[in-house]
PDB file of N, CA and C in Angstrom:
ATOM      1  N   MET A   1      72.393 215.644 -38.039  1.00  0.00           N
ATOM      2  CA  MET A   1      73.673 215.025 -37.814  1.00  0.00           C
ATOM      3  C   MET A   1      74.484 215.070 -39.088  1.00  0.00           C
ATOM      4  N   ASN A   2      75.758 215.237 -38.924  1.00  0.00           N
ATOM      5  CA  ASN A   2      76.670 215.307 -40.042  1.00  0.00           C
ATOM      6  C   ASN A   2      77.498 214.038 -40.112  1.00  0.00           C
ATOM      7  N   TYR A   3      77.185 213.167 -41.041  1.00  0.00           N
ATOM      8  CA  TYR A   3      77.930 211.929 -41.212  1.00  0.00           C
ATOM      9  C   TYR A   3      78.824 212.057 -42.421  1.00  0.00           C
ATOM     10  N   SER A   4      80.059 211.607 -42.289  1.00  0.00           N
ATOM     11  CA  SER A   4      80.933 211.601 -43.452  1.00  0.00           C
ATOM     12  C   SER A   4      80.716 210.304 -44.224  1.00  0.00           C
ATOM     13  N   ALA A   5      81.087 210.324 -45.479  1.00  0.00           N
ATOM     14  CA  ALA A   5      80.936 209.127 -46.316  1.00  0.00           C
ATOM     15  C   ALA A   5      81.842 208.021 -45.773  1.00  0.00           C
ATOM     16  N   PRO A   6      81.327 206.799 -45.699  1.00  0.00           N
ATOM     17  CA  PRO A   6      82.144 205.708 -45.170  1.00  0.00           C
ATOM     18  C   PRO A   6      83.298 205.376 -46.112  1.00  0.00           C
ATOM     19  N   ASN A   7      84.373 204.944 -45.525  1.00  0.00           N
ATOM     20  CA  ASN A   7      85.533 204.500 -46.278  1.00  0.00           C
ATOM     21  C   ASN A   7      85.193 203.155 -46.920  1.00  0.00           C
ATOM     22  N   PRO A   8      85.443 202.985 -48.213  1.00  0.00           N
ATOM     23  CA  PRO A   8      85.116 201.700 -48.849  1.00  0.00           C
ATOM     24  C   PRO A   8      85.779 200.532 -48.103  1.00  0.00           C
ATOM     25  N   GLY A   9      84.992 199.534 -47.815  1.00  0.00           N
ATOM     26  CA  GLY A   9      85.518 198.366 -47.117  1.00  0.00           C
ATOM     27  C   GLY A   9      85.482 198.472 -45.607  1.00  0.00           C
ATOM     28  N   GLU A  10      85.211 199.652 -45.086  1.00  0.00           N
ATOM     29  CA  GLU A  10      85.206 199.853 -43.631  1.00  0.00           C
ATOM     30  C   GLU A  10      84.137 198.995 -42.951  1.00  0.00           C
ATOM     31  N   GLU A  11      82.973 198.904 -43.585  1.00  0.00           N
ATOM     32  CA  GLU A  11      81.897 198.104 -42.997  1.00  0.00           C
ATOM     33  C   GLU A  11      82.302 196.636 -42.917  1.00  0.00           C
ATOM     34  N   SER A  12      82.920 196.135 -43.979  1.00  0.00           N
ATOM     35  CA  SER A  12      83.368 194.739 -43.998  1.00  0.00           C
ATOM     36  C   SER A  12      84.435 194.495 -42.947  1.00  0.00           C
ATOM     37  N   LEU A  13      85.323 195.447 -42.774  1.00  0.00           N
ATOM     38  CA  LEU A  13      86.384 195.313 -41.783  1.00  0.00           C
ATOM     39  C   LEU A  13      85.802 195.216 -40.376  1.00  0.00           C
ATOM     40  N   VAL A  14      84.828 196.041 -40.073  1.00  0.00           N
ATOM     41  CA  VAL A  14      84.186 196.011 -38.751  1.00  0.00           C
ATOM     42  C   VAL A  14      83.507 194.663 -38.528  1.00  0.00           C
ATOM     43  N   ILE A  15      82.826 194.169 -39.546  1.00  0.00           N
ATOM     44  CA  ILE A  15      82.137 192.874 -39.425  1.00  0.00           C
ATOM     45  C   ILE A  15      83.143 191.752 -39.218  1.00  0.00           C
ATOM     46  N   LEU A  16      84.205 191.724 -40.004  1.00  0.00           N
ATOM     47  CA  LEU A  16      85.200 190.659 -39.877  1.00  0.00           C
ATOM     48  C   LEU A  16      85.945 190.712 -38.545  1.00  0.00           C
ATOM     49  N   GLN A  17      86.287 191.908 -38.084  1.00  0.00           N
ATOM     50  CA  GLN A  17      86.938 192.035 -36.779  1.00  0.00           C
ATOM     51  C   GLN A  17      86.016 191.524 -35.681  1.00  0.00           C
ATOM     52  N   SER A  18      84.754 191.899 -35.756  1.00  0.00           N
ATOM     53  CA  SER A  18      83.788 191.454 -34.750  1.00  0.00           C
ATOM     54  C   SER A  18      83.605 189.942 -34.797  1.00  0.00           C
ATOM     55  N   LEU A  19      83.606 189.375 -35.986  1.00  0.00           N
ATOM     56  CA  LEU A  19      83.467 187.933 -36.136  1.00  0.00           C
ATOM     57  C   LEU A  19      84.661 187.199 -35.538  1.00  0.00           C
ATOM     58  N   LEU A  20      85.869 187.674 -35.798  1.00  0.00           N
ATOM     59  CA  LEU A  20      87.063 187.043 -35.213  1.00  0.00           C
ATOM     60  C   LEU A  20      87.024 187.112 -33.691  1.00  0.00           C
ATOM     61  N   CYS A  21      86.614 188.242 -33.155  1.00  0.00           N
ATOM     62  CA  CYS A  21      86.520 188.373 -31.692  1.00  0.00           C
ATOM     63  C   CYS A  21      85.465 187.416 -31.130  1.00  0.00           C
ATOM     64  N   LEU A  22      84.324 187.327 -31.801  1.00  0.00           N
ATOM     65  CA  LEU A  22      83.270 186.428 -31.342  1.00  0.00           C
ATOM     66  C   LEU A  22      83.722 184.971 -31.383  1.00  0.00           C
ATOM     67  N   LEU A  23      84.377 184.577 -32.460  1.00  0.00           N
ATOM     68  CA  LEU A  23      84.861 183.199 -32.581  1.00  0.00           C
ATOM     69  C   LEU A  23      85.916 182.888 -31.513  1.00  0.00           C
ATOM     70  N   ARG A  24      86.742 183.858 -31.195  1.00  0.00           N
ATOM     71  CA  ARG A  24      87.748 183.669 -30.142  1.00  0.00           C
ATOM     72  C   ARG A  24      87.080 183.596 -28.778  1.00  0.00           C
ATOM     73  N   GLU A  25      86.116 184.477 -28.552  1.00  0.00           N
ATOM     74  CA  GLU A  25      85.397 184.517 -27.277  1.00  0.00           C
ATOM     75  C   GLU A  25      84.702 183.188 -27.000  1.00  0.00           C
ATOM     76  N   LYS A  26      84.176 182.563 -28.045  1.00  0.00           N
ATOM     77  CA  LYS A  26      83.466 181.296 -27.889  1.00  0.00           C
ATOM     78  C   LYS A  26      84.404 180.094 -27.986  1.00  0.00           C
ATOM     79  N   ASN A  27      85.722 180.358 -28.017  1.00  0.00           N
ATOM     80  CA  ASN A  27      86.756 179.321 -28.104  1.00  0.00           C
ATOM     81  C   ASN A  27      86.636 178.453 -29.348  1.00  0.00           C
ATOM     82  N   ILE A  28      86.086 179.012 -30.411  1.00  0.00           N
ATOM     83  CA  ILE A  28      86.056 178.312 -31.693  1.00  0.00           C
ATOM     84  C   ILE A  28      87.406 178.482 -32.380  1.00  0.00           C
ATOM     85  N   LEU A  29      87.988 179.665 -32.229  1.00  0.00           N
ATOM     86  CA  LEU A  29      89.349 179.923 -32.686  1.00  0.00           C
ATOM     87  C   LEU A  29      90.235 180.084 -31.463  1.00  0.00           C
ATOM     88  N   SER A  30      91.422 179.503 -31.522  1.00  0.00           N
ATOM     89  CA  SER A  30      92.379 179.686 -30.436  1.00  0.00           C
ATOM     90  C   SER A  30      93.238 180.914 -30.733  1.00  0.00           C
ATOM     91  N   ARG A  31      93.985 181.340 -29.747  1.00  0.00           N
ATOM     92  CA  ARG A  31      94.912 182.447 -29.960  1.00  0.00           C
ATOM     93  C   ARG A  31      95.943 182.056 -31.004  1.00  0.00           C
ATOM     94  N   ALA A  32      96.350 180.789 -30.986  1.00  0.00           N
ATOM     95  CA  ALA A  32      97.307 180.290 -31.973  1.00  0.00           C
ATOM     96  C   ALA A  32      96.704 180.365 -33.382  1.00  0.00           C
ATOM     97  N   ASP A  33      95.409 180.094 -33.521  1.00  0.00           N
ATOM     98  CA  ASP A  33      94.746 180.205 -34.823  1.00  0.00           C
ATOM     99  C   ASP A  33      94.792 181.646 -35.336  1.00  0.00           C
ATOM    100  N   ILE A  34      94.525 182.592 -34.448  1.00  0.00           N
ATOM    101  CA  ILE A  34      94.543 184.009 -34.818  1.00  0.00           C
ATOM    102  C   ILE A  34      95.956 184.424 -35.213  1.00  0.00           C
ATOM    103  N   GLU A  35      96.954 183.964 -34.463  1.00  0.00           N
ATOM    104  CA  GLU A  35      98.344 184.291 -34.787  1.00  0.00           C
ATOM    105  C   GLU A  35      98.744 183.694 -36.133  1.00  0.00           C
ATOM    106  N   GLU A  36      98.276 182.491 -36.424  1.00  0.00           N
ATOM    107  CA  GLU A  36      98.562 181.858 -37.718  1.00  0.00           C
ATOM    108  C   GLU A  36      97.913 182.652 -38.846  1.00  0.00           C
ATOM    109  N   LEU A  37      96.694 183.105 -38.644  1.00  0.00           N
ATOM    110  CA  LEU A  37      96.020 183.936 -39.637  1.00  0.00           C
ATOM    111  C   LEU A  37      96.805 185.225 -39.870  1.00  0.00           C
ATOM    112  N   CYS A  38      97.267 185.839 -38.808  1.00  0.00           N
ATOM    113  CA  CYS A  38      98.064 187.062 -38.911  1.00  0.00           C
ATOM    114  C   CYS A  38      99.335 186.808 -39.717  1.00  0.00           C
ATOM    115  N   ARG A  39      99.988 185.690 -39.450  1.00  0.00           N
ATOM    116  CA  ARG A  39     101.221 185.337 -40.162  1.00  0.00           C
ATOM    117  C   ARG A  39     100.934 185.156 -41.653  1.00  0.00           C
ATOM    118  N   LYS A  40      99.837 184.473 -41.975  1.00  0.00           N
ATOM    119  CA  LYS A  40      99.492 184.243 -43.381  1.00  0.00           C
ATOM    120  C   LYS A  40      99.170 185.551 -44.099  1.00  0.00           C
ATOM    121  N   VAL A  41      98.452 186.448 -43.434  1.00  0.00           N
ATOM    122  CA  VAL A  41      98.143 187.749 -44.043  1.00  0.00           C
ATOM    123  C   VAL A  41      99.435 188.518 -44.294  1.00  0.00           C
ATOM    124  N   SER A  42     100.361 188.484 -43.328  1.00  0.00           N
ATOM    125  CA  SER A  42     101.639 189.183 -43.492  1.00  0.00           C
ATOM    126  C   SER A  42     102.432 188.625 -44.663  1.00  0.00           C
ATOM    127  N   LEU A  43     102.477 187.304 -44.782  1.00  0.00           N
ATOM    128  CA  LEU A  43     103.197 186.680 -45.901  1.00  0.00           C
ATOM    129  C   LEU A  43     102.561 187.039 -47.236  1.00  0.00           C
ATOM    130  N   ARG A  44     101.231 187.002 -47.282  1.00  0.00           N
ATOM    131  CA  ARG A  44     100.545 187.343 -48.531  1.00  0.00           C
ATOM    132  C   ARG A  44     100.751 188.807 -48.882  1.00  0.00           C
ATOM    133  N   ALA A  45     100.737 189.669 -47.880  1.00  0.00           N
ATOM    134  CA  ALA A  45     100.938 191.096 -48.135  1.00  0.00           C
ATOM    135  C   ALA A  45     102.349 191.367 -48.638  1.00  0.00           C
ATOM    136  N   ALA A  46     103.308 190.576 -48.168  1.00  0.00           N
ATOM    137  CA  ALA A  46     104.700 190.742 -48.589  1.00  0.00           C
ATOM    138  C   ALA A  46     104.966 190.074 -49.936  1.00  0.00           C
ATOM    139  N   GLY A  47     103.955 189.390 -50.482  1.00  0.00           N
ATOM    140  CA  GLY A  47     104.125 188.718 -51.756  1.00  0.00           C
ATOM    141  C   GLY A  47     104.928 187.435 -51.652  1.00  0.00           C
ATOM    142  N   MET A  48     105.058 186.914 -50.446  1.00  0.00           N
ATOM    143  CA  MET A  48     105.889 185.728 -50.217  1.00  0.00           C
ATOM    144  C   MET A  48     105.069 184.448 -50.113  1.00  0.00           C
ATOM    145  N   ALA A  49     103.786 184.529 -50.301  1.00  0.00           N
ATOM    146  CA  ALA A  49     102.928 183.346 -50.221  1.00  0.00           C
ATOM    147  C   ALA A  49     102.680 182.821 -51.637  1.00  0.00           C
ATOM    148  N   ASP A  50     102.120 181.621 -51.704  1.00  0.00           N
ATOM    149  CA  ASP A  50     101.778 181.047 -53.001  1.00  0.00           C
ATOM    150  C   ASP A  50     100.778 181.928 -53.741  1.00  0.00           C
ATOM    151  N   GLU A  51      99.895 182.562 -52.982  1.00  0.00           N
ATOM    152  CA  GLU A  51      98.871 183.418 -53.570  1.00  0.00           C
ATOM    153  C   GLU A  51      98.897 184.786 -52.891  1.00  0.00           C
ATOM    154  N   PRO A  52      99.683 185.749 -53.416  1.00  0.00           N
ATOM    155  CA  PRO A  52      99.702 187.087 -52.806  1.00  0.00           C
ATOM    156  C   PRO A  52      98.319 187.730 -52.859  1.00  0.00           C
ATOM    157  N   LEU A  53      98.090 188.672 -51.967  1.00  0.00           N
ATOM    158  CA  LEU A  53      96.799 189.356 -51.946  1.00  0.00           C
ATOM    159  C   LEU A  53      96.590 190.101 -53.261  1.00  0.00           C
ATOM    160  N   PRO A  54      95.425 189.918 -53.895  1.00  0.00           N
ATOM    161  CA  PRO A  54      95.167 190.555 -55.187  1.00  0.00           C
ATOM    162  C   PRO A  54      94.701 192.004 -55.027  1.00  0.00           C
ATOM    163  N   CYS A  55      95.585 192.856 -54.565  1.00  0.00           N
ATOM    164  CA  CYS A  55      95.236 194.261 -54.389  1.00  0.00           C
ATOM    165  C   CYS A  55      96.518 195.072 -54.474  1.00  0.00           C
ATOM    166  N   CYS A  56      96.370 196.367 -54.387  1.00  0.00           N
ATOM    167  CA  CYS A  56      97.551 197.214 -54.457  1.00  0.00           C
ATOM    168  C   CYS A  56      98.416 196.994 -53.217  1.00  0.00           C
ATOM    169  N   PRO A  57      99.715 197.203 -53.328  1.00  0.00           N
ATOM    170  CA  PRO A  57     100.620 196.962 -52.196  1.00  0.00           C
ATOM    171  C   PRO A  57     100.255 197.756 -50.938  1.00  0.00           C
ATOM    172  N   GLU A  58      99.739 198.967 -51.107  1.00  0.00           N
ATOM    173  CA  GLU A  58      99.367 199.776 -49.946  1.00  0.00           C
ATOM    174  C   GLU A  58      98.217 199.137 -49.182  1.00  0.00           C
ATOM    175  N   SER A  59      97.233 198.603 -49.905  1.00  0.00           N
ATOM    176  CA  SER A  59      96.104 197.938 -49.254  1.00  0.00           C
ATOM    177  C   SER A  59      96.543 196.652 -48.573  1.00  0.00           C
ATOM    178  N   ALA A  60      97.431 195.917 -49.205  1.00  0.00           N
ATOM    179  CA  ALA A  60      97.936 194.678 -48.612  1.00  0.00           C
ATOM    180  C   ALA A  60      98.700 194.976 -47.322  1.00  0.00           C
ATOM    181  N   LEU A  61      99.507 196.025 -47.331  1.00  0.00           N
ATOM    182  CA  LEU A  61     100.246 196.416 -46.126  1.00  0.00           C
ATOM    183  C   LEU A  61      99.281 196.864 -45.033  1.00  0.00           C
ATOM    184  N   ALA A  62      98.258 197.631 -45.406  1.00  0.00           N
ATOM    185  CA  ALA A  62      97.262 198.083 -44.424  1.00  0.00           C
ATOM    186  C   ALA A  62      96.527 196.887 -43.826  1.00  0.00           C
ATOM    187  N   ALA A  63      96.200 195.880 -44.651  1.00  0.00           N
ATOM    188  CA  ALA A  63      95.531 194.675 -44.151  1.00  0.00           C
ATOM    189  C   ALA A  63      96.419 193.951 -43.153  1.00  0.00           C
ATOM    190  N   SER A  64      97.689 193.859 -43.464  1.00  0.00           N
ATOM    191  CA  SER A  64      98.629 193.193 -42.565  1.00  0.00           C
ATOM    192  C   SER A  64      98.744 193.943 -41.241  1.00  0.00           C
ATOM    193  N   GLN A  65      98.828 195.256 -41.299  1.00  0.00           N
ATOM    194  CA  GLN A  65      98.930 196.059 -40.074  1.00  0.00           C
ATOM    195  C   GLN A  65      97.651 195.958 -39.251  1.00  0.00           C
ATOM    196  N   ASP A  66      96.499 195.986 -39.905  1.00  0.00           N
ATOM    197  CA  ASP A  66      95.226 195.835 -39.194  1.00  0.00           C
ATOM    198  C   ASP A  66      95.150 194.475 -38.509  1.00  0.00           C
ATOM    199  N   MET A  67      95.595 193.435 -39.196  1.00  0.00           N
ATOM    200  CA  MET A  67      95.558 192.085 -38.630  1.00  0.00           C
ATOM    201  C   MET A  67      96.486 191.980 -37.432  1.00  0.00           C
ATOM    202  N   GLN A  68      97.648 192.611 -37.492  1.00  0.00           N
ATOM    203  CA  GLN A  68      98.577 192.602 -36.359  1.00  0.00           C
ATOM    204  C   GLN A  68      97.975 193.307 -35.146  1.00  0.00           C
ATOM    205  N   ARG A  69      97.315 194.439 -35.380  1.00  0.00           N
ATOM    206  CA  ARG A  69      96.663 195.152 -34.270  1.00  0.00           C
ATOM    207  C   ARG A  69      95.533 194.323 -33.678  1.00  0.00           C
ATOM    208  N   LEU A  70      94.742 193.687 -34.534  1.00  0.00           N
ATOM    209  CA  LEU A  70      93.638 192.861 -34.064  1.00  0.00           C
ATOM    210  C   LEU A  70      94.156 191.649 -33.291  1.00  0.00           C
ATOM    211  N   THR A  71      95.218 191.033 -33.769  1.00  0.00           N
ATOM    212  CA  THR A  71      95.820 189.894 -33.079  1.00  0.00           C
ATOM    213  C   THR A  71      96.286 190.301 -31.685  1.00  0.00           C
ATOM    214  N   SER A  72      96.926 191.455 -31.592  1.00  0.00           N
ATOM    215  CA  SER A  72      97.386 191.957 -30.296  1.00  0.00           C
ATOM    216  C   SER A  72      96.203 192.212 -29.364  1.00  0.00           C
ATOM    217  N   TYR A  73      95.152 192.836 -29.889  1.00  0.00           N
ATOM    218  CA  TYR A  73      93.961 193.121 -29.084  1.00  0.00           C
ATOM    219  C   TYR A  73      93.326 191.830 -28.585  1.00  0.00           C
ATOM    220  N   ILE A  74      93.126 190.875 -29.488  1.00  0.00           N
ATOM    221  CA  ILE A  74      92.488 189.619 -29.105  1.00  0.00           C
ATOM    222  C   ILE A  74      93.336 188.881 -28.076  1.00  0.00           C
ATOM    223  N   GLY A  75      94.661 188.898 -28.264  1.00  0.00           N
ATOM    224  CA  GLY A  75      95.552 188.248 -27.304  1.00  0.00           C
ATOM    225  C   GLY A  75      95.444 188.854 -25.916  1.00  0.00           C
ATOM    226  N   GLN A  76      95.360 190.176 -25.846  1.00  0.00           N
ATOM    227  CA  GLN A  76      95.243 190.847 -24.548  1.00  0.00           C
ATOM    228  C   GLN A  76      93.864 190.652 -23.945  1.00  0.00           C
ATOM    229  N   ARG A  77      92.855 190.689 -24.778  1.00  0.00           N
ATOM    230  CA  ARG A  77      91.467 190.601 -24.276  1.00  0.00           C
ATOM    231  C   ARG A  77      91.083 189.185 -23.851  1.00  0.00           C
ATOM    232  N   TYR A  78      91.422 188.207 -24.664  1.00  0.00           N
ATOM    233  CA  TYR A  78      90.956 186.837 -24.418  1.00  0.00           C
ATOM    234  C   TYR A  78      92.042 185.880 -23.974  1.00  0.00           C
ATOM    235  N   GLY A  79      93.301 186.259 -24.108  1.00  0.00           N
ATOM    236  CA  GLY A  79      94.399 185.392 -23.685  1.00  0.00           C
ATOM    237  C   GLY A  79      94.481 184.113 -24.486  1.00  0.00           C
ATOM    238  N   GLY A  80      95.052 183.103 -23.875  1.00  0.00           N
ATOM    239  CA  GLY A  80      95.199 181.821 -24.550  1.00  0.00           C
ATOM    240  C   GLY A  80      96.646 181.535 -24.857  1.00  0.00           C
ATOM    241  N   LYS A  81      96.894 180.363 -25.400  1.00  0.00           N
ATOM    242  CA  LYS A  81      98.248 179.944 -25.717  1.00  0.00           C
ATOM    243  C   LYS A  81      98.662 180.486 -27.069  1.00  0.00           C
ATOM    244  N   HIS A  82      99.939 180.908 -27.115  1.00  0.00           N
ATOM    245  CA  HIS A  82     100.518 181.371 -28.366  1.00  0.00           C
ATOM    246  C   HIS A  82     100.775 180.185 -29.296  1.00  0.00           C
ATOM    247  N   ALA A  83     100.858 180.468 -30.576  1.00  0.00           N
ATOM    248  CA  ALA A  83     101.243 179.442 -31.536  1.00  0.00           C
ATOM    249  C   ALA A  83     102.695 179.054 -31.275  1.00  0.00           C
ATOM    250  N   ARG A  84     103.019 177.809 -31.467  1.00  0.00           N
ATOM    251  CA  ARG A  84     104.394 177.337 -31.262  1.00  0.00           C
ATOM    252  C   ARG A  84     105.176 177.491 -32.558  1.00  0.00           C
ATOM    253  N   GLY A  85     106.430 177.896 -32.406  1.00  0.00           N
ATOM    254  CA  GLY A  85     107.331 177.921 -33.539  1.00  0.00           C
ATOM    255  C   GLY A  85     107.117 179.037 -34.528  1.00  0.00           C
ATOM    256  N   ILE A  86     106.366 180.036 -34.175  1.00  0.00           N
ATOM    257  CA  ILE A  86     106.169 181.161 -35.102  1.00  0.00           C
ATOM    258  C   ILE A  86     107.080 182.287 -34.694  1.00  0.00           C
TER     259      ILE A  86
END
């Protein structure tokens, strides 16, 4: 078999995405919680939070985009109430 070298951080991303889905599936996190997390990641990536993400701007933008895609997926898969006022 021909395996390519893994992208640094890819393993962690898969684990964290799976963890968020599991927590949502078990109703430990609400859809509103996931949306709030997405909003915070976006603010940090834009440098508008008290503590911007400590990484290069490209990585911060990629993290924000990944979080938005995951939020959309979780919302479609598990449903739930949206966060109010966001």
